[in-house]
Amino acid sequence: MTDVTVPHRVDQLELPYLNTEGMERRDALAAMDVVRETHWLARTDMGYCVTRHEDVTAILRDKRFHSALSMLPQMQGVPENAYWEKRNERQSILAMEGDEHARLRRLVAPAFTPASANRLRPTMRAVIGDLIDRVAGDGHCEFVADVCDPYPIPIICELLGAPREDWKLFSHWATDIFRIFNGNLVEDLPFIERAGLELNEYVAAMVAERRGAPRDDLLSDLIAIEEQGDRLSTGEMTMLAQAVLMAGTDTTRNQLACSVELFCEHPEQWAVLATRPDLAQRAVEESMRYLGAVRATVRFAAEDIVYRDVLFPQGTFVTTSLAAANRDPEVWDHPNTFDVTEERSTAQMTFGSGIHFCLGAALARAELQVALPILAQRMRGLALDGQVEWKPATFGIWGPARLPLRFTPS
């Protein structure tokens, strides 16, 4: 007679409880270490959490677990239908699932390659150079406001083909659209709605112009894409432009601030990078592993799912801790050591994995690879010049809200 393993319902398991709310970063990581050593799964206030690299990767790659981004309206007290009606637009590719998501990712993939991002590196160098020129002689700055916040917008505008005089418009739209991640959707919805509508109208006008006069920019690339007669609609292109603004702006702002704060804690690594700009790629990957701006991402079971002999009923929320996966000792040698000179064989998890792997990863990598070595060369003797103010841990994309720095004037 063959034994048949009957899966245990997840809500009937005795599991460790994980709550890192209000904890300092190091304390939160320590709590996740304890949980990871105890069980592969933990109970949370929202549902459940996986902290081991193997399970984080598996959940993110399992198409039966859907992105909880589509559930944000309901989770924050706004019915989903009302939310999308108010936004007056189709669902973002960041929240799509199934065949429609696969179709769009397949169509747009050629426009988001490393080669496409690399053609913007001259713009990146010019922008970061100009920003550091403004503070280099002072020997101090508030890094978030002076460098991080203004850095990505000109690059996104160049990518889309928007003129310099409209950079401030895009910065304003980005700030308001990103309110979706701040945990107060009921109050922020009017700002998100207005910014989305204004951005969509702007991009739709650009698309109409590019159809008659293509340029060397992303919108022209998207217009030219065709696969077996399938093309992107204007609505899809405006939605993608908004996704690019989200993927290429706030992530870069926060990750640059996280990385520089981390180098303040490890000044010897900053000095190495200043003399070895060839380490830029490793510096980016290692700082994203050690202190990523995206600490976790949430999935929900779109159907009853059995994983590792555990039944997750439909609707169950599972948080995948990217921060914990990036410190898993089963995967990383000396995971709690920050070293930009070491070549690690495993890819860091901050960009996610699976079908929702960050659409703007190549662009964000290029932006950080350009910025960090230039900053290291121009801001020698880097140190904190006051208290770092961190954004609330509830923010989906997280980092310093204020980062006061001092350095040797140049």
Protein backbone atom coordinates (compact mmCIF):
# COMPACT_ATOMS: atom_id res chain seq x y z
CA MET A 1 0.00 0.00 0.00
CA THR A 2 1.41 3.41 -0.97
CA ASP A 3 1.57 6.12 1.68
CA VAL A 4 -0.04 9.37 0.59
CA THR A 5 1.16 12.51 2.35
CA VAL A 6 -1.78 14.66 3.36
CA PRO A 7 -0.82 18.35 3.36
CA HIS A 8 -1.26 20.29 6.58
CA ARG A 9 -3.27 23.50 6.43
CA VAL A 10 -0.96 26.42 7.11
CA ASP A 11 -3.31 27.86 9.73
CA GLN A 12 -3.09 24.61 11.73
CA LEU A 13 0.71 24.60 12.03
CA GLU A 14 2.65 25.65 15.10
CA LEU A 15 4.87 28.35 13.69
CA PRO A 16 7.19 31.01 15.10
CA TYR A 17 5.73 34.51 15.11
CA LEU A 18 7.57 37.30 13.33
CA ASN A 19 6.87 40.98 14.00
CA THR A 20 9.62 43.47 13.13
CA GLU A 21 7.45 46.60 13.30
CA GLY A 22 9.29 49.43 14.98
CA MET A 23 12.57 47.51 15.15
CA GLU A 24 15.90 48.95 14.10
CA ARG A 25 17.30 47.40 10.93
CA ARG A 26 19.82 45.18 12.72
CA ASP A 27 17.27 44.01 15.28
CA ALA A 28 14.83 43.13 12.49
CA LEU A 29 17.50 41.09 10.71
CA ALA A 30 18.36 39.33 13.97
CA ALA A 31 14.69 38.46 14.50
CA MET A 32 14.51 37.04 10.98
CA ASP A 33 17.68 35.01 11.65
CA VAL A 34 16.02 33.41 14.68
CA VAL A 35 12.90 32.57 12.68
CA ARG A 36 14.89 31.18 9.76
CA GLU A 37 16.78 28.84 12.07
CA THR A 38 13.53 27.69 13.71
CA HIS A 39 11.28 26.97 10.71
CA TRP A 40 11.09 27.71 7.00
CA LEU A 41 7.78 29.51 7.58
CA ALA A 42 6.67 32.15 10.12
CA ARG A 43 3.33 33.60 11.14
CA THR A 44 2.80 37.38 10.82
CA ASP A 45 -0.02 39.83 11.47
CA MET A 46 -0.79 39.85 7.73
CA GLY A 47 -0.45 36.13 7.11
CA TYR A 48 2.82 34.26 6.73
CA CYS A 49 6.44 34.96 5.84
CA VAL A 50 9.30 33.01 4.26
CA THR A 51 12.85 34.04 5.11
CA ARG A 52 15.05 31.38 3.49
CA HIS A 53 16.51 32.07 0.07
CA GLU A 54 15.21 28.78 -1.34
CA ASP A 55 11.61 29.46 -0.30
CA VAL A 56 11.63 33.16 -1.23
CA THR A 57 12.81 32.22 -4.72
CA ALA A 58 10.29 29.39 -5.06
CA ILE A 59 7.29 31.50 -3.97
CA LEU A 60 8.26 34.36 -6.29
CA ARG A 61 8.61 31.96 -9.22
CA ASP A 62 5.37 30.09 -8.52
CA LYS A 63 2.77 31.59 -10.86
CA ARG A 64 -0.03 30.47 -8.55
CA PHE A 65 1.11 33.12 -6.06
CA HIS A 66 0.04 36.52 -7.40
CA SER A 67 1.44 39.95 -6.62
CA ALA A 68 -0.42 41.58 -3.74
CA LEU A 69 0.00 44.96 -5.42
CA SER A 70 -3.37 44.34 -7.05
CA MET A 71 -4.84 43.89 -3.55
CA LEU A 72 -3.54 47.17 -2.13
CA PRO A 73 -6.86 49.02 -2.61
CA GLN A 74 -8.87 46.41 -0.69
CA MET A 75 -6.17 46.07 1.98
CA GLN A 76 -6.35 49.82 2.60
CA GLY A 77 -10.14 50.12 2.52
CA VAL A 78 -10.66 51.12 -1.12
CA PRO A 79 -12.70 48.66 -3.24
CA GLU A 80 -10.62 47.54 -6.22
CA ASN A 81 -13.23 48.44 -8.84
CA ALA A 82 -13.64 51.93 -7.43
CA TYR A 83 -9.88 52.34 -7.32
CA TRP A 84 -9.35 51.52 -10.97
CA GLU A 85 -12.39 53.55 -12.00
CA LYS A 86 -10.97 56.57 -10.18
CA ARG A 87 -7.60 56.06 -11.81
CA ASN A 88 -9.36 55.83 -15.18
CA GLU A 89 -6.68 53.54 -16.57
CA ARG A 90 -5.92 49.89 -17.09
CA GLN A 91 -4.22 47.86 -14.38
CA SER A 92 -0.46 48.36 -14.16
CA ILE A 93 1.88 45.72 -15.55
CA LEU A 94 3.34 45.67 -12.01
CA ALA A 95 0.08 44.09 -10.76
CA MET A 96 -0.99 42.05 -13.80
CA GLU A 97 -0.99 38.26 -13.88
CA GLY A 98 -1.62 35.49 -16.38
CA ASP A 99 -1.64 35.61 -20.15
CA GLU A 100 -2.03 39.40 -20.44
CA HIS A 101 0.96 39.97 -18.19
CA ALA A 102 3.03 37.43 -20.10
CA ARG A 103 2.08 39.07 -23.40
CA LEU A 104 3.13 42.54 -22.26
CA ARG A 105 6.39 41.38 -20.69
CA ARG A 106 7.23 39.50 -23.89
CA LEU A 107 6.47 42.50 -26.07
CA VAL A 108 8.36 45.08 -24.04
CA ALA A 109 11.40 42.97 -23.04
CA PRO A 110 13.52 44.20 -26.01
CA ALA A 111 13.06 47.81 -24.84
CA PHE A 112 14.40 47.12 -21.31
CA THR A 113 17.70 45.38 -21.99
CA PRO A 114 21.07 46.37 -20.49
CA ALA A 115 22.03 47.68 -23.94
CA SER A 116 19.03 50.02 -23.90
CA ALA A 117 19.98 51.30 -20.45
CA ASN A 118 23.64 51.70 -21.42
CA ARG A 119 22.84 54.26 -24.09
CA LEU A 120 21.77 56.57 -21.26
CA ARG A 121 25.06 56.34 -19.35
CA PRO A 122 26.41 59.64 -20.78
CA THR A 123 23.25 61.35 -19.47
CA MET A 124 23.69 59.64 -16.10
CA ARG A 125 27.30 60.82 -15.82
CA ALA A 126 26.33 64.38 -16.75
CA VAL A 127 23.45 64.51 -14.25
CA ILE A 128 25.35 63.07 -11.28
CA GLY A 129 28.34 65.23 -12.11
CA ASP A 130 26.20 68.37 -12.09
CA LEU A 131 24.56 67.43 -8.79
CA ILE A 132 27.86 66.78 -7.02
CA ASP A 133 29.35 69.97 -8.48
CA ARG A 134 26.73 71.95 -6.56
CA VAL A 135 27.87 70.63 -3.14
CA ALA A 136 31.46 69.45 -3.64
CA GLY A 137 33.01 72.74 -2.58
CA ASP A 138 30.92 72.93 0.61
CA GLY A 139 32.13 69.63 2.04
CA HIS A 140 28.66 68.78 3.31
CA CYS A 141 25.15 68.15 2.01
CA GLU A 142 21.80 66.60 2.79
CA PHE A 143 22.28 63.75 0.38
CA VAL A 144 18.65 62.72 -0.16
CA ALA A 145 17.41 66.19 -1.14
CA ASP A 146 20.61 67.36 -2.88
CA VAL A 147 21.49 64.24 -4.88
CA CYS A 148 19.14 61.24 -4.59
CA ASP A 149 15.80 62.91 -5.25
CA PRO A 150 16.83 64.90 -8.35
CA TYR A 151 19.09 62.23 -9.89
CA PRO A 152 16.70 59.77 -11.66
CA ILE A 153 14.12 62.16 -13.12
CA PRO A 154 16.29 63.68 -15.89
CA ILE A 155 17.31 60.16 -16.90
CA ILE A 156 13.70 58.95 -17.09
CA CYS A 157 12.80 62.05 -19.09
CA GLU A 158 15.70 61.38 -21.47
CA LEU A 159 14.56 57.76 -21.74
CA LEU A 160 11.04 58.81 -22.65
CA GLY A 161 12.13 61.76 -24.77
CA ALA A 162 10.63 64.50 -22.58
CA PRO A 163 12.27 67.95 -22.76
CA ARG A 164 14.29 69.49 -19.91
CA GLU A 165 11.63 72.10 -19.15
CA ASP A 166 9.24 69.30 -18.11
CA TRP A 167 11.56 67.58 -15.63
CA LYS A 168 9.84 69.22 -12.66
CA LEU A 169 6.47 67.95 -13.90
CA PHE A 170 7.75 64.38 -13.91
CA SER A 171 9.28 64.77 -10.47
CA HIS A 172 5.93 66.02 -9.11
CA TRP A 173 4.03 63.17 -10.78
CA ALA A 174 6.49 60.60 -9.46
CA THR A 175 6.17 61.88 -5.90
CA ASP A 176 2.37 61.70 -5.98
CA ILE A 177 2.11 58.35 -7.79
CA PHE A 178 4.46 56.75 -5.25
CA ARG A 179 1.98 57.58 -2.49
CA ILE A 180 0.39 54.23 -3.40
CA PHE A 181 3.09 52.53 -1.29
CA ASN A 182 2.76 54.73 1.79
CA GLY A 183 -0.06 52.83 3.49
CA ASN A 184 -2.66 55.61 3.37
CA LEU A 185 -4.41 55.05 0.05
CA VAL A 186 -7.80 56.41 1.14
CA GLU A 187 -6.28 59.83 1.87
CA ASP A 188 -3.71 59.79 -0.95
CA LEU A 189 -5.96 58.53 -3.74
CA PRO A 190 -6.88 62.02 -5.08
CA PHE A 191 -3.18 62.88 -5.48
CA ILE A 192 -2.43 59.53 -7.13
CA GLU A 193 -5.44 59.87 -9.40
CA ARG A 194 -4.57 63.40 -10.55
CA ALA A 195 -0.91 62.61 -11.16
CA GLY A 196 -1.78 59.46 -13.10
CA LEU A 197 -4.27 61.26 -15.33
CA GLU A 198 -1.88 64.14 -16.04
CA LEU A 199 1.00 61.77 -16.82
CA ASN A 200 -1.21 59.65 -19.09
CA GLU A 201 -2.39 62.71 -21.03
CA TYR A 202 1.19 63.92 -21.43
CA VAL A 203 2.50 60.54 -22.62
CA ALA A 204 -0.47 59.97 -24.96
CA ALA A 205 0.40 63.26 -26.69
CA MET A 206 4.04 62.15 -26.96
CA VAL A 207 2.97 58.79 -28.44
CA ALA A 208 0.83 60.54 -31.06
CA GLU A 209 3.81 62.72 -31.98
CA ARG A 210 6.25 59.77 -32.13
CA ARG A 211 3.98 57.77 -34.42
CA GLY A 212 4.62 60.37 -37.10
CA ALA A 213 8.19 61.29 -36.17
CA PRO A 214 10.08 58.50 -34.33
CA ARG A 215 13.13 59.40 -32.22
CA ASP A 216 15.83 57.55 -30.33
CA ASP A 217 13.77 57.04 -27.17
CA LEU A 218 11.71 54.44 -25.33
CA LEU A 219 8.32 55.48 -26.70
CA SER A 220 9.58 55.18 -30.28
CA ASP A 221 10.99 51.75 -29.39
CA LEU A 222 7.63 50.67 -27.95
CA ILE A 223 5.74 51.95 -31.01
CA ALA A 224 8.05 49.95 -33.29
CA ILE A 225 7.56 46.68 -31.39
CA GLU A 226 5.54 44.10 -33.28
CA GLU A 227 5.28 40.36 -32.74
CA GLN A 228 3.15 38.38 -35.18
CA GLY A 229 0.98 41.43 -35.79
CA ASP A 230 0.56 42.20 -32.09
CA ARG A 231 1.33 45.79 -31.11
CA LEU A 232 1.01 47.91 -28.00
CA SER A 233 -1.97 50.27 -27.78
CA THR A 234 -1.59 53.91 -26.72
CA GLY A 235 -3.19 53.00 -23.39
CA GLU A 236 -0.65 50.23 -22.84
CA MET A 237 2.22 52.57 -23.65
CA THR A 238 1.01 55.24 -21.23
CA MET A 239 0.63 52.57 -18.55
CA LEU A 240 4.17 51.34 -19.26
CA ALA A 241 5.53 54.87 -19.06
CA GLN A 242 4.02 55.16 -15.58
CA ALA A 243 5.52 51.78 -14.64
CA VAL A 244 8.93 52.99 -15.85
CA LEU A 245 8.57 56.13 -13.78
CA MET A 246 7.85 53.96 -10.74
CA ALA A 247 10.49 51.32 -11.46
CA GLY A 248 13.21 53.76 -12.44
CA THR A 249 12.75 56.63 -10.01
CA ASP A 250 11.83 55.81 -6.43
CA THR A 251 13.81 52.56 -6.36
CA THR A 252 16.94 54.35 -7.57
CA ARG A 253 16.47 57.30 -5.20
CA ASN A 254 16.13 55.07 -2.17
CA GLN A 255 18.75 52.52 -3.16
CA LEU A 256 21.35 55.22 -3.80
CA ALA A 257 20.67 56.65 -0.34
CA CYS A 258 20.80 53.18 1.25
CA SER A 259 24.08 52.38 -0.50
CA VAL A 260 25.78 55.64 0.49
CA GLU A 261 24.59 55.32 4.10
CA LEU A 262 26.04 51.80 4.10
CA PHE A 263 29.38 53.10 2.82
CA CYS A 264 29.37 55.61 5.69
CA GLU A 265 29.33 52.59 7.99
CA HIS A 266 32.22 51.07 5.99
CA PRO A 267 34.51 53.98 5.04
CA GLU A 268 37.33 51.63 4.04
CA GLN A 269 35.08 50.22 1.30
CA TRP A 270 34.30 53.75 0.08
CA ALA A 271 38.03 54.47 -0.17
CA VAL A 272 38.54 51.28 -2.18
CA LEU A 273 35.76 52.22 -4.61
CA ALA A 274 37.27 55.70 -5.08
CA THR A 275 40.51 54.16 -6.36
CA ARG A 276 38.90 51.15 -8.09
CA PRO A 277 35.95 52.39 -10.21
CA ASP A 278 36.09 49.00 -11.95
CA LEU A 279 34.38 47.67 -8.81
CA ALA A 280 31.21 49.64 -9.57
CA GLN A 281 29.18 46.58 -10.59
CA ARG A 282 30.14 44.62 -7.48
CA ALA A 283 29.55 47.67 -5.29
CA VAL A 284 25.99 47.95 -6.59
CA GLU A 285 25.17 44.27 -6.20
CA GLU A 286 26.76 43.97 -2.77
CA SER A 287 25.12 47.12 -1.38
CA MET A 288 21.73 45.97 -2.73
CA ARG A 289 22.27 42.59 -1.10
CA TYR A 290 23.37 44.00 2.22
CA LEU A 291 20.92 46.92 2.43
CA GLY A 292 18.24 46.80 -0.24
CA ALA A 293 15.62 49.51 -0.70
CA VAL A 294 12.97 46.82 -1.28
CA ARG A 295 12.97 44.75 1.92
CA ALA A 296 10.11 42.40 1.06
CA THR A 297 7.32 41.77 -1.39
CA VAL A 298 3.93 40.22 -0.73
CA ARG A 299 2.14 37.48 -2.66
CA PHE A 300 -1.27 35.89 -2.18
CA ALA A 301 -2.51 32.44 -3.12
CA ALA A 302 -4.70 32.81 -6.21
CA GLU A 303 -5.97 29.26 -5.60
CA ASP A 304 -5.47 26.52 -3.02
CA ILE A 305 -1.72 25.82 -3.19
CA VAL A 306 0.29 22.97 -1.73
CA TYR A 307 3.92 23.93 -1.20
CA ARG A 308 6.33 21.79 0.84
CA ASP A 309 3.42 19.64 2.00
CA VAL A 310 1.64 22.68 3.40
CA LEU A 311 -1.75 23.82 2.08
CA PHE A 312 -2.09 27.56 1.58
CA PRO A 313 -5.82 28.23 1.09
CA GLN A 314 -6.85 30.64 -1.65
CA GLY A 315 -6.40 34.24 -0.51
CA THR A 316 -3.57 33.49 1.94
CA PHE A 317 -0.95 36.25 2.07
CA VAL A 318 2.72 35.26 2.04
CA THR A 319 5.47 37.84 2.53
CA THR A 320 8.75 36.98 0.84
CA SER A 321 11.54 38.59 2.86
CA LEU A 322 14.13 39.72 0.32
CA ALA A 323 16.27 41.17 3.10
CA ALA A 324 16.40 37.83 4.91
CA ALA A 325 17.05 35.89 1.69
CA ASN A 326 19.97 38.22 0.99
CA ARG A 327 21.54 37.20 4.32
CA ASP A 328 20.79 33.45 4.23
CA PRO A 329 23.93 31.62 5.46
CA GLU A 330 22.91 28.55 3.47
CA VAL A 331 23.51 30.57 0.30
CA TRP A 332 26.04 33.26 1.17
CA ASP A 333 29.49 32.86 2.68
CA HIS A 334 29.82 35.27 5.65
CA PRO A 335 26.48 36.92 4.74
CA ASN A 336 26.81 39.68 7.33
CA THR A 337 30.08 40.96 5.90
CA PHE A 338 29.93 43.88 3.45
CA ASP A 339 32.77 43.61 0.93
CA VAL A 340 32.66 45.16 -2.56
CA THR A 341 35.88 43.39 -3.58
CA GLU A 342 34.39 39.91 -3.23
CA GLU A 343 32.77 38.27 -6.23
CA ARG A 344 29.66 36.46 -5.06
CA SER A 345 28.28 33.58 -7.09
CA THR A 346 24.60 34.13 -6.20
CA ALA A 347 22.53 37.05 -7.48
CA GLN A 348 21.11 39.39 -4.85
CA MET A 349 17.33 39.26 -4.45
CA THR A 350 16.37 42.93 -4.11
CA PHE A 351 15.02 43.06 -7.69
CA GLY A 352 12.86 40.03 -6.96
CA SER A 353 12.56 36.90 -9.07
CA GLY A 354 10.16 35.21 -11.44
CA ILE A 355 7.61 36.87 -13.71
CA HIS A 356 7.56 40.08 -11.63
CA PHE A 357 11.34 40.55 -11.64
CA CYS A 358 11.87 44.32 -11.68
CA LEU A 359 11.14 45.68 -15.15
CA GLY A 360 13.61 48.54 -14.68
CA ALA A 361 16.45 46.47 -13.19
CA ALA A 362 18.91 47.17 -16.02
CA LEU A 363 18.21 50.91 -15.83
CA ALA A 364 18.52 51.02 -12.03
CA ARG A 365 21.77 49.03 -12.15
CA ALA A 366 23.23 51.40 -14.73
CA GLU A 367 22.19 54.48 -12.72
CA LEU A 368 23.85 53.14 -9.58
CA GLN A 369 26.94 51.84 -11.37
CA VAL A 370 27.52 55.28 -12.85
CA ALA A 371 26.79 57.25 -9.67
CA LEU A 372 28.65 55.36 -6.93
CA PRO A 373 32.24 55.54 -8.26
CA ILE A 374 31.85 59.21 -9.25
CA LEU A 375 30.55 60.03 -5.78
CA ALA A 376 33.35 58.02 -4.14
CA GLN A 377 35.95 60.00 -6.09
CA ARG A 378 34.34 63.40 -5.43
CA MET A 379 33.29 62.82 -1.78
CA ARG A 380 36.42 61.44 -0.15
CA GLY A 381 36.49 61.13 3.61
CA LEU A 382 32.74 60.49 3.63
CA ALA A 383 31.05 60.43 7.04
CA LEU A 384 27.67 61.08 8.61
CA ASP A 385 27.09 64.70 9.65
CA GLY A 386 24.15 64.09 11.96
CA GLN A 387 21.36 61.63 12.57
CA VAL A 388 20.01 59.57 9.67
CA GLU A 389 16.22 59.78 9.44
CA TRP A 390 14.76 56.59 7.96
CA LYS A 391 11.40 56.28 6.25
CA PRO A 392 8.81 54.13 8.06
CA ALA A 393 9.43 50.41 7.64
CA THR A 394 5.89 50.11 6.25
CA PHE A 395 6.97 51.90 3.05
CA GLY A 396 7.18 49.45 0.15
CA ILE A 397 10.27 51.20 -1.20
CA TRP A 398 12.36 52.22 1.78
CA GLY A 399 15.47 54.20 2.63
CA PRO A 400 16.73 57.33 4.37
CA ALA A 401 14.38 60.30 4.39
CA ARG A 402 17.33 62.50 5.41
CA LEU A 403 21.02 61.65 5.10
CA PRO A 404 23.32 64.48 6.26
CA LEU A 405 26.90 63.95 5.07
CA ARG A 406 30.28 65.59 5.38
CA PHE A 407 33.32 64.97 3.21
CA THR A 408 36.55 66.57 2.05
CA PRO A 409 35.69 69.62 -0.09
CA SER A 410 36.83 69.47 -3.70
